[in-house]
């Protein structure tokens, strides 16, 4: 494993700053240079046509200033666009790395510094940010990237855009296309089935295959499955389920939301789209809207 991976540094190799959500955020920006506090090799400089100032603890490109920006964050900038390092606290502990984290992942500590010092922030961060609590009061928009943008990792990402003000409505998009999907977000979910019971009558195939969309509900066939398995999960329903209608509803919801709410896996389908997982709460939700 190289030092880049040990430090959670992955360099962006395709442009994530395109489309509706980015354009809406970019139109709000004041004049002045863009700060890149975790610049690496400076790849992001190629994607937004503005003056940039880049810093990094280990500069790997021309004109990038050496600085540990977590300890000494640059000040005086209104706009920050960055791809911060990702490194989970559990990985730091396992590898006994000389890094002290405040939050559960290094990228969250980096994001907090960006938000503290800059009014306008755009960050390329893991798509698991959707499930993270905190750091979202100024969130303006999220563009989920459903394709690989790194050569050296399969980590699924999104671009989160922030403004100085508290935002009550967040723009949502996938691959640059804005979506009106707030009414399709699973919330206040009522539990309608029970998973991993002594007696089961249905099975959730909860993860896509590499061949394509594969999330569906099928009859339980008495196959023994570990309770920790999230790809194949037996469950019990006290009412008979119309599987054709349920599976059609799952697919219609996926198409309408472009899988925005589904967790992405670190592997892609043959089409290049990330495989997804349906959570238990999301199945409960879908069963109530059939």
Protein backbone atom coordinates (compact mmCIF):
# COMPACT_ATOMS: atom_id res chain seq x y z
CA UNK A 1 0.00 0.00 0.00
CA UNK A 2 1.46 3.40 -0.99
CA UNK A 3 1.64 6.54 1.18
CA UNK A 4 -1.23 8.09 -0.74
CA UNK A 5 -3.59 5.28 0.31
CA UNK A 6 -2.19 5.18 3.86
CA UNK A 7 -3.05 8.86 4.24
CA UNK A 8 -6.45 8.50 2.57
CA UNK A 9 -5.43 10.58 -0.44
CA UNK A 10 -7.17 9.81 -3.75
CA UNK A 11 -6.78 12.06 -6.76
CA UNK A 12 -9.80 12.95 -8.89
CA UNK A 13 -9.38 12.06 -12.56
CA UNK A 14 -12.72 13.15 -14.06
CA UNK A 15 -14.76 16.31 -13.62
CA UNK A 16 -17.49 16.08 -10.94
CA UNK A 17 -18.36 19.80 -11.12
CA UNK A 18 -20.98 19.76 -13.85
CA UNK A 19 -24.73 20.03 -14.13
CA UNK A 20 -27.69 21.58 -12.35
CA UNK A 21 -26.63 21.51 -8.69
CA UNK A 22 -23.13 22.82 -9.39
CA UNK A 23 -24.43 25.58 -11.68
CA UNK A 24 -26.98 26.76 -9.09
CA UNK A 25 -24.26 26.92 -6.40
CA UNK A 26 -21.62 28.47 -8.68
CA UNK A 27 -23.98 31.31 -9.63
CA UNK A 28 -23.93 32.44 -5.97
CA UNK A 29 -20.16 32.69 -5.62
CA UNK A 30 -18.43 36.02 -5.02
CA UNK A 31 -15.38 37.05 -7.03
CA UNK A 32 -11.94 36.02 -5.87
CA UNK A 33 -9.62 33.00 -5.93
CA UNK A 34 -10.71 29.48 -5.02
CA UNK A 35 -8.94 27.80 -2.12
CA UNK A 36 -7.91 24.14 -2.44
CA UNK A 37 -6.65 23.23 1.06
CA UNK A 38 -5.97 19.55 0.28
CA UNK A 39 -4.73 20.04 -3.26
CA UNK A 40 -2.58 16.93 -3.80
CA UNK A 41 -1.49 17.14 -7.43
CA UNK A 42 -3.87 19.99 -8.24
CA UNK A 43 -6.22 17.97 -10.44
CA UNK A 44 -9.26 20.04 -9.44
CA UNK A 45 -7.67 23.17 -10.91
CA UNK A 46 -8.54 21.81 -14.36
CA UNK A 47 -12.28 21.63 -13.70
CA UNK A 48 -13.33 25.15 -12.68
CA UNK A 49 -12.09 28.13 -14.69
CA UNK A 50 -11.06 30.46 -11.87
CA UNK A 51 -7.86 31.50 -10.13
CA UNK A 52 -6.88 28.83 -7.58
CA UNK A 53 -4.59 28.78 -4.56
CA UNK A 54 -3.56 25.29 -3.46
CA UNK A 55 -2.08 23.91 -0.24
CA UNK A 56 -1.18 20.38 0.78
CA UNK A 57 0.80 18.61 3.50
CA UNK A 58 2.64 16.72 0.73
CA UNK A 59 2.44 18.85 -2.44
CA UNK A 60 2.54 16.85 -5.64
CA UNK A 61 2.08 19.55 -8.25
CA UNK A 62 3.54 22.86 -9.44
CA UNK A 63 2.64 25.94 -7.42
CA UNK A 64 1.06 24.07 -4.50
CA UNK A 65 2.14 25.44 -1.12
CA UNK A 66 3.33 23.01 1.55
CA UNK A 67 1.24 23.29 4.72
CA UNK A 68 -0.54 21.03 7.20
CA UNK A 69 -3.91 22.66 6.62
CA UNK A 70 -5.68 20.74 9.37
CA UNK A 71 -3.34 22.34 11.93
CA UNK A 72 -3.00 25.70 10.16
CA UNK A 73 -5.93 26.28 7.84
CA UNK A 74 -5.52 29.08 5.27
CA UNK A 75 -7.69 32.13 5.95
CA UNK A 76 -9.04 35.00 3.88
CA UNK A 77 -10.82 32.92 1.22
CA UNK A 78 -14.56 33.03 0.48
CA UNK A 79 -14.69 29.92 -1.71
CA UNK A 80 -13.21 26.49 -1.03
CA UNK A 81 -13.39 23.55 -3.43
CA UNK A 82 -11.59 20.38 -2.40
CA UNK A 83 -11.27 16.62 -2.38
CA UNK A 84 -10.19 16.01 1.24
CA UNK A 85 -8.49 12.78 2.37
CA UNK A 86 -10.73 9.92 3.56
CA UNK A 87 -9.52 7.84 6.50
CA UNK A 88 -11.82 6.17 9.01
CA UNK A 89 -10.99 6.34 12.73
CA UNK A 90 -11.07 2.52 12.85
CA UNK A 91 -8.40 2.37 10.11
CA UNK A 92 -6.24 4.89 11.96
CA UNK A 93 -6.42 2.76 15.11
CA UNK A 94 -5.76 -0.53 13.30
CA UNK A 95 -2.73 0.82 11.44
CA UNK A 96 -1.53 2.80 14.48
CA UNK A 97 -1.17 5.92 12.35
CA UNK A 98 0.09 9.16 13.97
CA UNK A 99 -3.21 10.96 13.28
CA UNK A 100 -5.68 12.27 15.84
CA UNK A 101 -9.27 12.41 14.58
CA UNK A 102 -12.12 14.31 16.19
CA UNK A 103 -14.90 12.80 14.11
CA UNK A 104 -15.33 9.29 12.71
CA UNK A 105 -13.44 9.96 9.48
CA UNK A 106 -10.66 12.33 8.47
CA UNK A 107 -12.80 13.82 5.69
CA UNK A 108 -15.31 15.03 8.31
CA UNK A 109 -12.57 16.83 10.25
CA UNK A 110 -11.42 18.40 6.98
CA UNK A 111 -14.96 19.43 6.07
CA UNK A 112 -15.47 21.06 9.46
CA UNK A 113 -12.33 23.15 8.95
CA UNK A 114 -13.51 24.21 5.49
CA UNK A 115 -16.93 25.25 6.82
CA UNK A 116 -15.38 27.13 9.75
CA UNK A 117 -13.15 29.26 7.53
CA UNK A 118 -15.01 29.62 4.21
CA UNK A 119 -18.58 30.81 3.46
CA UNK A 120 -18.86 28.78 0.22
CA UNK A 121 -17.64 25.19 0.16
CA UNK A 122 -17.78 22.33 -2.33
CA UNK A 123 -16.32 18.97 -1.31
CA UNK A 124 -15.98 15.58 -2.98
CA UNK A 125 -16.67 13.16 -0.13
CA UNK A 126 -17.90 9.58 0.38
CA UNK A 127 -21.59 9.08 -0.42
CA UNK A 128 -22.04 7.68 3.09
CA UNK A 129 -22.22 11.38 4.11
CA UNK A 130 -25.94 11.08 3.35
CA UNK A 131 -26.35 9.06 6.57
CA UNK A 132 -24.06 11.24 8.73
CA UNK A 133 -25.61 13.54 11.33
CA UNK A 134 -24.23 17.05 11.69
CA UNK A 135 -22.38 19.47 9.42
CA UNK A 136 -25.49 19.92 7.25
CA UNK A 137 -27.13 23.14 8.41
CA UNK A 138 -25.50 25.11 5.58
CA UNK A 139 -25.89 22.35 3.00
CA UNK A 140 -27.15 23.84 -0.27
CA UNK A 141 -27.07 20.82 -2.55
CA UNK A 142 -25.87 17.27 -3.06
CA UNK A 143 -24.89 15.75 -6.38
CA UNK A 144 -24.44 11.99 -6.04
CA UNK A 145 -21.86 10.69 -8.52
CA UNK A 146 -22.98 7.27 -9.74
CA UNK A 147 -19.75 6.43 -11.56
CA UNK A 148 -16.06 6.10 -10.74
CA UNK A 149 -14.13 9.37 -10.67
CA UNK A 150 -10.93 7.96 -9.13
CA UNK A 151 -8.42 5.67 -10.85
CA UNK A 152 -7.06 4.26 -7.60
CA UNK A 153 -10.16 3.52 -5.51
CA UNK A 154 -13.75 2.34 -5.99
CA UNK A 155 -15.05 4.60 -3.21
CA UNK A 156 -18.49 5.96 -4.22
CA UNK A 157 -18.71 9.71 -3.72
CA UNK A 158 -20.95 12.74 -3.90
CA UNK A 159 -20.29 16.46 -4.16
CA UNK A 160 -21.72 18.45 -1.26
CA UNK A 161 -22.24 22.19 -1.77
CA UNK A 162 -22.52 24.67 1.12
CA UNK A 163 -23.45 28.35 1.39
CA UNK A 164 -23.12 30.82 4.30
CA UNK A 165 -26.81 30.59 5.24
CA UNK A 166 -28.83 27.88 6.94
CA UNK A 167 -30.75 26.01 4.22
CA UNK A 168 -34.09 24.31 4.87
CA UNK A 169 -34.35 22.77 1.39
CA UNK A 170 -31.41 20.92 -0.16
CA UNK A 171 -31.06 20.54 -3.93
CA UNK A 172 -30.59 16.91 -4.92
CA UNK A 173 -29.08 15.50 -8.06
CA UNK A 174 -27.40 12.45 -9.58
CA UNK A 175 -24.60 12.77 -12.14
CA UNK A 176 -25.33 16.45 -12.59
CA UNK A 177 -29.10 16.15 -13.15
CA UNK A 178 -31.32 17.83 -10.51
CA UNK A 179 -34.20 15.75 -9.14
CA UNK A 180 -37.47 16.71 -7.45
CA UNK A 181 -37.65 13.72 -5.10
CA UNK A 182 -38.26 15.03 -1.57
CA UNK A 183 -41.72 13.43 -1.62
CA UNK A 184 -40.11 10.04 -2.33
CA UNK A 185 -37.66 10.09 0.58
CA UNK A 186 -38.28 7.28 3.12
CA UNK A 187 -39.16 8.98 6.40
CA UNK A 188 -41.17 8.20 9.53
CA UNK A 189 -41.11 4.57 8.42
CA UNK A 190 -43.63 2.19 9.97
CA UNK A 191 -42.34 -1.36 10.43
CA UNK A 192 -44.64 -3.72 8.53
CA UNK A 193 -42.57 -6.93 8.37
CA UNK A 194 -40.06 -8.70 10.66
CA UNK A 195 -36.62 -9.79 9.52
CA UNK A 196 -34.74 -12.99 10.41
CA UNK A 197 -37.56 -14.68 12.29
CA UNK A 198 -37.85 -18.32 13.35
CA UNK A 199 -40.50 -18.61 10.64
CA UNK A 200 -40.09 -16.63 7.41
CA UNK A 201 -42.15 -16.52 4.22
CA UNK A 202 -40.27 -14.04 2.01
CA UNK A 203 -36.68 -13.09 1.19
CA UNK A 204 -35.23 -9.71 0.35
CA UNK A 205 -32.51 -9.81 -2.29
CA UNK A 206 -31.06 -6.56 -1.00
CA UNK A 207 -27.96 -5.93 -3.13
CA UNK A 208 -27.53 -5.49 -6.88
CA UNK A 209 -25.40 -7.91 -8.86
CA UNK A 210 -22.63 -6.84 -11.22
CA UNK A 211 -25.00 -7.66 -14.11
CA UNK A 212 -27.55 -4.97 -13.19
CA UNK A 213 -30.42 -3.99 -10.90
CA UNK A 214 -31.24 -7.03 -8.83
CA UNK A 215 -32.98 -5.77 -5.67
CA UNK A 216 -36.26 -7.64 -5.27
CA UNK A 217 -38.50 -9.65 -2.95
CA UNK A 218 -38.90 -13.40 -3.63
CA UNK A 219 -40.60 -16.30 -1.82
CA UNK A 220 -38.60 -17.78 1.05
CA UNK A 221 -37.15 -21.16 0.03
CA UNK A 222 -36.00 -22.39 3.48
CA UNK A 223 -32.37 -21.66 2.68
CA UNK A 224 -30.47 -20.95 5.90
CA UNK A 225 -28.93 -17.49 5.86
CA UNK A 226 -26.74 -15.84 8.50
CA UNK A 227 -28.53 -13.06 10.39
CA UNK A 228 -25.64 -10.70 9.53
CA UNK A 229 -26.17 -11.19 5.80
CA UNK A 230 -27.50 -8.04 4.09
CA UNK A 231 -27.47 -9.37 0.53
CA UNK A 232 -30.05 -12.08 1.19
CA UNK A 233 -32.39 -11.47 4.14
CA UNK A 234 -35.40 -13.65 5.05
CA UNK A 235 -38.40 -11.94 6.65
CA UNK A 236 -41.94 -12.65 7.81
CA UNK A 237 -45.10 -10.86 6.70
CA UNK A 238 -48.43 -11.64 8.34
CA UNK A 239 -50.21 -10.67 5.12
CA UNK A 240 -49.76 -12.14 1.66
CA UNK A 241 -47.58 -9.98 -0.54
CA UNK A 242 -48.17 -9.32 -4.23
CA UNK A 243 -44.57 -9.77 -5.33
CA UNK A 244 -45.10 -8.58 -8.90
CA UNK A 245 -46.53 -5.29 -7.66
CA UNK A 246 -43.91 -4.90 -4.94
CA UNK A 247 -40.99 -5.51 -7.27
CA UNK A 248 -42.48 -3.15 -9.85
CA UNK A 249 -42.81 -0.50 -7.12
CA UNK A 250 -39.18 -0.98 -6.09
CA UNK A 251 -38.01 -0.52 -9.66
CA UNK A 252 -40.29 2.49 -10.28
CA UNK A 253 -39.01 4.16 -7.10
CA UNK A 254 -35.42 3.47 -8.12
CA UNK A 255 -35.98 4.97 -11.55
CA UNK A 256 -37.76 8.05 -10.15
CA UNK A 257 -35.05 8.75 -7.56
CA UNK A 258 -32.12 7.60 -9.71
CA UNK A 259 -31.04 5.57 -6.65
CA UNK A 260 -30.24 8.78 -4.76
CA UNK A 261 -31.34 7.33 -1.42
CA UNK A 262 -29.73 3.90 -1.85
CA UNK A 263 -26.33 3.09 -0.36
CA UNK A 264 -23.65 2.59 -3.01
CA UNK A 265 -21.15 -0.25 -2.81
CA UNK A 266 -17.44 -0.13 -3.63
CA UNK A 267 -17.97 -2.10 -6.80
CA UNK A 268 -19.71 -1.33 -10.05
CA UNK A 269 -22.12 -3.08 -12.37
CA UNK A 270 -20.94 -3.96 -15.83
CA UNK A 271 -22.63 -0.73 -16.97
CA UNK A 272 -20.28 1.34 -14.78
CA UNK A 273 -23.02 2.31 -12.32
CA UNK A 274 -22.42 1.48 -8.67
CA UNK A 275 -24.19 -1.51 -7.16
CA UNK A 276 -26.74 -0.51 -4.50
CA UNK A 277 -28.18 -1.87 -1.28
CA UNK A 278 -31.76 -1.49 -0.06
CA UNK A 279 -31.99 -1.01 3.71
CA UNK A 280 -34.60 -2.61 5.95
CA UNK A 281 -36.20 0.80 6.57
CA UNK A 282 -36.45 1.43 2.83
CA UNK A 283 -38.19 -1.91 2.27
CA UNK A 284 -40.68 -1.05 5.03
CA UNK A 285 -41.32 2.26 3.25
CA UNK A 286 -41.80 0.66 -0.15
CA UNK A 287 -44.20 -1.94 1.24
CA UNK A 288 -46.37 0.87 2.62
CA UNK A 289 -46.65 2.72 -0.72
CA UNK A 290 -47.53 -0.32 -2.85
